[in-house]
Amino acid sequence: MSSNRGHTLSRRRLLNVGLLGAASLSVPTLAQSTYPSRPIVLIVPFPPGGVTDLVGRELAKRLTDALGQSVVVENRAGAGGNIGTAALAKAAPDGHTLGVMTVSAMSIAPHIHKSLSFQPLKDFTPICNIVNTPGAIVAGLKTPYQNLQDLIKAAKAAPGRISYASVGLGSLPHLAAEMFAQQAGVQLLHVPYKGAAPAMQDLLSGVVDLTFESALTNTVTHFSQGKLKVLATTGTQRVPILPQVPCANEVLPGYAAQGWFGFFGPAGLPAPITTRLNEVAVAMLREPALLERFEKLGIQADPSAPAAFFRYLQEQDRLWAGATKGLNLQLD
């Protein structure tokens, strides 16, 4: 073999190696540029028909239109949202399985359950918060309280005598009430129920004095019919659907106990995919017609960048850790 021929073969080998290397480096970029390559599953960890499901289906429509692949809502209900949340944590981080997760599993569950199969701050990629869901402190018509000041004064005069209903130990209403009691310096009597319907029924009939509602839809319906009194809302600002009702933080500065629904992927979701999904969600949350619909349901759009959403999750983790401290809640 001549020297020139040897040099030519060596150059060819180097060129082939270089091309193979370039091809291998381009695979992740190519995969991301062709995303999505098949239909997407959007997990909602609650049954169809609720507000979480409604928000998930609105998001699925926008994702389908923007990404050119069908996005199918999959309701995986159970265990307060933990079952669907765990399913998302185990999914491949390729953007083809996403989820709408809530405060119950992501911020409260780690502090009240003995063991979880997921770690909220490690096993997910935060994409965007979608909505906040302020609740309300509600009193029955038979009670003498006309405002939050009346309630606090009465509770201080009769420790442990004023009762409130919740949908169970460790639920958002239970913890919202305990947080309120801590900050107001009062003691309330907790009466847990197995669902929202029986709890509300006993409030309306005067069996219990109060409820701490985690959403406003049913509250507004009963309030407009004159069946109950709304002493305060529990978000960070007054809500348009009840503009005459003050926030609890106007009486108890710093008090806020609201839910939220956020958009997540599994941990390790590639940054370009996360950014694209965030853009779609943020655009949805700026649509006037949808914002008006949300307003009528008593929920508030809260678009955020992924990094800002992660900081919010850290804040929520600290908030609900504090709310559960001292309650000795260790649920199965």
Protein backbone atom coordinates (compact mmCIF):
# COMPACT_ATOMS: atom_id res chain seq x y z
CA MET A 1 0.00 0.00 0.00
CA SER A 2 1.41 3.39 -0.98
CA SER A 3 1.86 6.20 1.50
CA ASN A 4 -0.71 8.42 -0.30
CA ARG A 5 -3.31 5.63 -0.29
CA GLY A 6 -2.70 5.07 3.43
CA HIS A 7 -3.23 8.76 4.16
CA THR A 8 -6.44 8.74 2.09
CA LEU A 9 -7.87 5.75 4.04
CA SER A 10 -6.93 7.36 7.34
CA ARG A 11 -8.70 10.57 6.36
CA ARG A 12 -11.78 8.55 5.35
CA ARG A 13 -11.81 6.71 8.67
CA LEU A 14 -11.49 9.99 10.58
CA LEU A 15 -14.25 11.53 8.47
CA ASN A 16 -16.52 8.53 9.13
CA VAL A 17 -15.82 8.67 12.88
CA GLY A 18 -16.52 12.40 12.87
CA LEU A 19 -19.80 11.94 11.03
CA LEU A 20 -20.88 9.21 13.43
CA GLY A 21 -19.99 11.41 16.38
CA ALA A 22 -21.92 14.35 14.95
CA ALA A 23 -24.89 12.10 14.28
CA SER A 24 -24.88 10.77 17.84
CA LEU A 25 -24.66 14.30 19.27
CA SER A 26 -27.60 15.42 17.17
CA VAL A 27 -29.99 12.68 18.34
CA PRO A 28 -31.29 14.47 21.48
CA THR A 29 -31.73 17.70 19.52
CA LEU A 30 -33.56 15.86 16.76
CA ALA A 31 -35.78 14.09 19.29
CA GLN A 32 -36.71 17.38 20.88
CA SER A 33 -37.29 19.11 17.55
CA THR A 34 -39.77 16.42 16.50
CA TYR A 35 -41.61 16.43 19.86
CA PRO A 36 -44.23 15.20 20.28
CA SER A 37 -43.90 12.05 18.18
CA ARG A 38 -47.10 10.39 19.44
CA PRO A 39 -50.23 11.23 21.47
CA ILE A 40 -49.72 12.70 24.93
CA VAL A 41 -51.39 11.53 28.14
CA LEU A 42 -52.34 14.26 30.62
CA ILE A 43 -52.95 12.73 34.06
CA VAL A 44 -55.60 14.34 36.27
CA PRO A 45 -55.54 12.67 39.71
CA PHE A 46 -59.25 13.23 40.42
CA PRO A 47 -62.52 11.98 38.90
CA PRO A 48 -64.14 13.63 35.87
CA GLY A 49 -66.45 16.56 36.46
CA GLY A 50 -64.56 18.51 39.13
CA VAL A 51 -62.72 21.78 38.75
CA THR A 52 -59.34 20.03 38.44
CA ASP A 53 -60.69 17.95 35.59
CA LEU A 54 -62.16 21.03 33.91
CA VAL A 55 -58.82 22.84 34.06
CA GLY A 56 -57.01 19.76 32.75
CA ARG A 57 -59.35 19.45 29.77
CA GLU A 58 -58.97 23.12 28.88
CA LEU A 59 -55.19 22.65 28.95
CA ALA A 60 -55.43 19.46 26.87
CA LYS A 61 -57.32 21.33 24.13
CA ARG A 62 -54.64 24.02 23.90
CA LEU A 63 -51.81 21.50 23.91
CA THR A 64 -53.48 19.49 21.14
CA ASP A 65 -53.82 22.60 18.97
CA ALA A 66 -50.31 23.90 19.66
CA LEU A 67 -48.35 20.64 19.44
CA GLY A 68 -50.17 18.88 16.60
CA GLN A 69 -50.73 15.65 18.53
CA SER A 70 -53.81 14.61 20.48
CA VAL A 71 -53.60 15.13 24.24
CA VAL A 72 -55.83 12.72 26.15
CA VAL A 73 -56.91 13.38 29.74
CA GLU A 74 -56.53 10.31 31.91
CA ASN A 75 -58.35 10.49 35.26
CA ARG A 76 -56.42 8.47 37.85
CA ALA A 77 -58.33 9.18 41.03
CA GLY A 78 -57.74 7.96 44.56
CA ALA A 79 -55.91 8.60 47.82
CA GLY A 80 -56.43 12.35 47.68
CA GLY A 81 -54.60 12.64 44.38
CA ASN A 82 -51.62 10.52 45.42
CA ILE A 83 -52.30 7.67 42.96
CA GLY A 84 -52.25 9.84 39.85
CA THR A 85 -49.33 11.85 41.18
CA ALA A 86 -47.29 8.68 41.75
CA ALA A 87 -48.07 7.54 38.20
CA LEU A 88 -46.62 10.74 36.78
CA ALA A 89 -43.49 10.39 38.90
CA LYS A 90 -42.82 6.96 37.34
CA ALA A 91 -43.39 8.07 33.73
CA ALA A 92 -40.60 8.43 31.16
CA PRO A 93 -39.32 12.03 30.98
CA ASP A 94 -39.94 12.40 27.26
CA GLY A 95 -42.91 14.77 27.43
CA HIS A 96 -45.50 12.20 26.39
CA THR A 97 -46.88 11.81 29.92
CA LEU A 98 -47.74 15.03 31.76
CA GLY A 99 -50.03 15.92 34.63
CA VAL A 100 -52.15 18.51 36.42
CA MET A 101 -51.23 18.07 40.08
CA THR A 102 -52.59 19.80 43.15
CA VAL A 103 -51.58 21.13 46.55
CA SER A 104 -53.03 18.04 48.27
CA ALA A 105 -50.43 15.59 46.98
CA MET A 106 -47.57 17.94 46.17
CA SER A 107 -47.46 20.15 49.28
CA ILE A 108 -49.58 18.56 52.02
CA ALA A 109 -49.20 14.78 51.61
CA PRO A 110 -45.44 14.66 52.41
CA HIS A 111 -46.16 16.05 55.88
CA ILE A 112 -49.08 13.81 56.88
CA HIS A 113 -48.38 10.40 55.32
CA LYS A 114 -46.01 7.85 56.79
CA SER A 115 -44.66 6.98 53.37
CA LEU A 116 -45.15 8.16 49.82
CA SER A 117 -43.83 6.61 46.63
CA PHE A 118 -42.75 10.03 45.36
CA GLN A 119 -40.87 13.11 46.56
CA PRO A 120 -42.64 16.23 45.26
CA LEU A 121 -39.60 18.50 45.07
CA LYS A 122 -37.40 15.86 43.39
CA ASP A 123 -39.52 13.57 41.23
CA PHE A 124 -41.20 16.14 38.98
CA THR A 125 -40.40 18.91 36.53
CA PRO A 126 -42.47 22.01 37.37
CA ILE A 127 -43.76 23.55 34.13
CA CYS A 128 -46.27 26.21 35.17
CA ASN A 129 -48.75 26.93 37.92
CA ILE A 130 -52.20 27.09 36.33
CA VAL A 131 -54.68 28.43 38.88
CA ASN A 132 -54.98 29.28 42.53
CA THR A 133 -58.21 28.25 44.27
CA PRO A 134 -59.02 30.48 47.24
CA GLY A 135 -61.49 29.07 49.70
CA ALA A 136 -63.72 30.61 52.34
CA ILE A 137 -64.52 30.62 56.04
CA VAL A 138 -68.24 29.92 56.10
CA ALA A 139 -70.74 30.09 58.98
CA GLY A 140 -74.24 28.68 59.30
CA LEU A 141 -77.21 31.01 59.47
CA LYS A 142 -77.94 30.03 63.07
CA THR A 143 -74.58 31.33 64.28
CA PRO A 144 -74.29 34.90 65.62
CA TYR A 145 -71.08 35.72 63.69
CA GLN A 146 -71.35 38.43 61.05
CA ASN A 147 -67.62 38.76 60.36
CA LEU A 148 -64.27 37.26 61.25
CA GLN A 149 -63.81 39.59 64.20
CA ASP A 150 -67.04 38.24 65.73
CA LEU A 151 -65.85 34.67 65.25
CA ILE A 152 -62.45 35.26 66.84
CA LYS A 153 -63.99 37.08 69.83
CA ALA A 154 -66.50 34.25 70.39
CA ALA A 155 -63.86 31.56 70.01
CA LYS A 156 -61.63 33.21 72.60
CA ALA A 157 -64.56 33.40 75.01
CA ALA A 158 -65.45 29.73 74.55
CA PRO A 159 -62.32 27.67 73.73
CA GLY A 160 -63.09 24.43 71.88
CA ARG A 161 -66.85 25.05 71.73
CA ILE A 162 -67.20 26.36 68.17
CA SER A 163 -67.28 23.46 65.72
CA TYR A 164 -66.15 23.23 62.13
CA ALA A 165 -66.66 20.50 59.54
CA SER A 166 -63.96 19.20 57.22
CA VAL A 167 -63.73 16.44 54.64
CA GLY A 168 -61.29 14.48 56.77
CA LEU A 169 -58.04 14.50 58.71
CA GLY A 170 -55.21 16.12 56.81
CA SER A 171 -57.48 17.61 54.17
CA LEU A 172 -56.96 21.17 52.97
CA PRO A 173 -60.06 22.41 54.90
CA HIS A 174 -58.81 20.76 58.09
CA LEU A 175 -55.36 22.30 57.82
CA ALA A 176 -56.75 25.69 56.77
CA ALA A 177 -58.84 25.71 59.95
CA GLU A 178 -55.92 24.65 62.14
CA MET A 179 -53.71 27.30 60.60
CA PHE A 180 -56.42 29.88 61.28
CA ALA A 181 -56.76 28.73 64.90
CA GLN A 182 -53.00 28.92 65.42
CA GLN A 183 -52.70 32.43 64.03
CA ALA A 184 -55.85 33.74 65.75
CA GLY A 185 -54.91 32.18 69.08
CA VAL A 186 -58.16 30.21 69.45
CA GLN A 187 -59.29 26.61 69.81
CA LEU A 188 -61.95 25.14 67.50
CA LEU A 189 -63.68 21.76 67.58
CA HIS A 190 -62.90 19.65 64.51
CA VAL A 191 -65.70 17.42 63.16
CA PRO A 192 -64.36 15.34 60.23
CA TYR A 193 -66.72 13.97 57.57
CA LYS A 194 -66.24 11.49 54.74
CA GLY A 195 -67.10 13.96 52.00
CA ALA A 196 -67.97 17.54 51.15
CA ALA A 197 -71.69 16.92 50.66
CA PRO A 198 -72.50 15.64 54.18
CA ALA A 199 -70.25 18.30 55.73
CA MET A 200 -72.09 21.07 53.89
CA GLN A 201 -75.48 19.55 54.71
CA ASP A 202 -74.71 19.61 58.43
CA LEU A 203 -73.54 23.20 58.18
CA LEU A 204 -76.76 24.25 56.44
CA SER A 205 -78.87 22.44 59.03
CA GLY A 206 -76.98 23.89 61.98
CA VAL A 207 -75.30 20.71 63.25
CA VAL A 208 -71.88 22.39 62.95
CA ASP A 209 -71.03 26.08 63.13
CA LEU A 210 -68.39 26.53 60.44
CA THR A 211 -66.69 25.06 57.43
CA PHE A 212 -63.39 26.07 55.87
CA GLU A 213 -64.12 25.58 52.19
CA SER A 214 -61.25 24.82 49.81
CA ALA A 215 -63.07 26.17 46.73
CA LEU A 216 -65.72 28.80 46.09
CA THR A 217 -68.07 27.21 43.56
CA ASN A 218 -70.52 25.62 46.00
CA THR A 219 -69.99 28.39 48.53
CA VAL A 220 -71.13 31.05 46.08
CA THR A 221 -74.19 29.01 45.08
CA HIS A 222 -75.39 28.59 48.67
CA PHE A 223 -74.47 32.19 49.57
CA SER A 224 -76.47 33.60 46.66
CA GLN A 225 -79.46 31.55 47.87
CA GLY A 226 -79.14 32.99 51.36
CA LYS A 227 -78.32 29.62 52.97
CA LEU A 228 -75.04 30.55 54.70
CA LYS A 229 -72.74 33.40 55.67
CA VAL A 230 -69.29 33.92 54.15
CA LEU A 231 -67.10 35.54 56.80
CA ALA A 232 -63.93 35.74 54.72
CA THR A 233 -62.13 34.27 51.74
CA THR A 234 -58.78 32.57 52.29
CA GLY A 235 -56.67 33.65 49.32
CA THR A 236 -54.16 36.46 49.19
CA GLN A 237 -56.60 38.99 47.72
CA ARG A 238 -60.34 39.55 47.36
CA VAL A 239 -62.03 37.60 44.62
CA PRO A 240 -64.22 39.19 41.94
CA ILE A 241 -66.96 36.62 42.46
CA LEU A 242 -67.39 37.82 46.09
CA PRO A 243 -66.08 41.38 46.00
CA GLN A 244 -67.89 42.44 49.17
CA VAL A 245 -66.28 39.68 51.26
CA PRO A 246 -62.93 40.54 52.88
CA CYS A 247 -59.87 38.31 52.83
CA ALA A 248 -59.00 36.69 56.11
CA ASN A 249 -55.60 38.36 55.90
CA GLU A 250 -57.29 41.75 56.33
CA VAL A 251 -57.97 40.63 59.91
CA LEU A 252 -55.13 38.14 60.34
CA PRO A 253 -52.15 39.56 58.39
CA GLY A 254 -50.21 36.84 56.61
CA TYR A 255 -52.96 34.23 56.74
CA ALA A 256 -53.58 32.48 53.42
CA ALA A 257 -54.80 28.94 52.79
CA GLN A 258 -55.60 28.37 49.17
CA GLY A 259 -55.28 25.46 46.83
CA TRP A 260 -53.64 25.40 43.41
CA PHE A 261 -53.43 23.23 40.30
CA GLY A 262 -50.07 23.07 38.56
CA PHE A 263 -48.71 21.64 35.29
CA PHE A 264 -45.92 19.07 35.73
CA GLY A 265 -43.82 16.52 33.92
CA PRO A 266 -41.66 13.76 35.40
CA ALA A 267 -38.21 14.67 36.68
CA GLY A 268 -35.65 15.07 33.91
CA LEU A 269 -37.97 16.57 31.31
CA PRO A 270 -35.68 18.24 28.72
CA ALA A 271 -35.50 22.01 29.01
CA PRO A 272 -36.67 22.75 25.42
CA ILE A 273 -39.79 20.64 25.97
CA THR A 274 -40.44 22.27 29.34
CA THR A 275 -40.13 25.71 27.78
CA ARG A 276 -42.50 24.86 24.92
CA LEU A 277 -45.13 23.44 27.27
CA ASN A 278 -44.83 26.47 29.53
CA GLU A 279 -45.43 28.78 26.55
CA VAL A 280 -48.66 26.96 25.69
CA ALA A 281 -49.93 27.05 29.28
CA VAL A 282 -49.10 30.73 29.77
CA ALA A 283 -50.81 31.66 26.50
CA MET A 284 -53.94 29.78 27.64
CA LEU A 285 -53.97 31.67 30.93
CA ARG A 286 -54.08 34.98 29.08
CA GLU A 287 -57.22 34.22 27.06
CA PRO A 288 -59.96 36.67 28.13
CA ALA A 289 -62.85 34.24 27.60
CA LEU A 290 -61.19 31.53 29.68
CA LEU A 291 -60.23 33.99 32.41
CA GLU A 292 -63.86 35.07 32.62
CA ARG A 293 -64.95 31.46 32.93
CA PHE A 294 -62.40 30.83 35.68
CA GLU A 295 -63.56 33.97 37.49
CA LYS A 296 -67.13 32.67 37.61
CA LEU A 297 -65.82 29.47 39.20
CA GLY A 298 -63.91 31.43 41.81
CA ILE A 299 -60.47 30.36 40.60
CA GLN A 300 -57.62 32.65 39.64
CA ALA A 301 -55.16 32.15 36.78
CA ASP A 302 -51.54 32.23 37.95
CA PRO A 303 -49.16 31.82 34.99
CA SER A 304 -45.52 31.43 35.95
CA ALA A 305 -42.14 30.49 34.53
CA PRO A 306 -40.78 27.07 35.56
CA ALA A 307 -38.18 28.54 37.92
CA ALA A 308 -40.75 30.80 39.60
CA PHE A 309 -43.13 27.87 39.96
CA PHE A 310 -40.42 25.79 41.63
CA ARG A 311 -39.81 28.58 44.16
CA TYR A 312 -43.55 28.70 44.83
CA LEU A 313 -43.54 24.95 45.47
CA GLN A 314 -40.76 25.40 48.01
CA GLU A 315 -42.78 28.12 49.75
CA GLN A 316 -45.88 25.91 49.79
CA ASP A 317 -43.89 23.03 51.24
CA ARG A 318 -42.77 25.24 54.14
CA LEU A 319 -46.29 26.64 54.64
CA TRP A 320 -48.03 23.27 54.94
CA ALA A 321 -45.20 21.77 56.99
CA GLY A 322 -45.89 24.52 59.50
CA ALA A 323 -49.65 23.94 59.36
CA THR A 324 -49.26 20.24 60.19
CA LYS A 325 -46.68 20.74 62.92
CA GLY A 326 -48.02 19.62 66.27
CA LEU A 327 -51.08 17.85 64.84
CA ASN A 328 -49.37 14.43 64.95
CA LEU A 329 -50.91 13.35 61.65
CA GLN A 330 -49.31 10.19 60.29
CA LEU A 331 -51.79 8.71 57.85
CA ASP A 332 -51.36 5.45 55.93
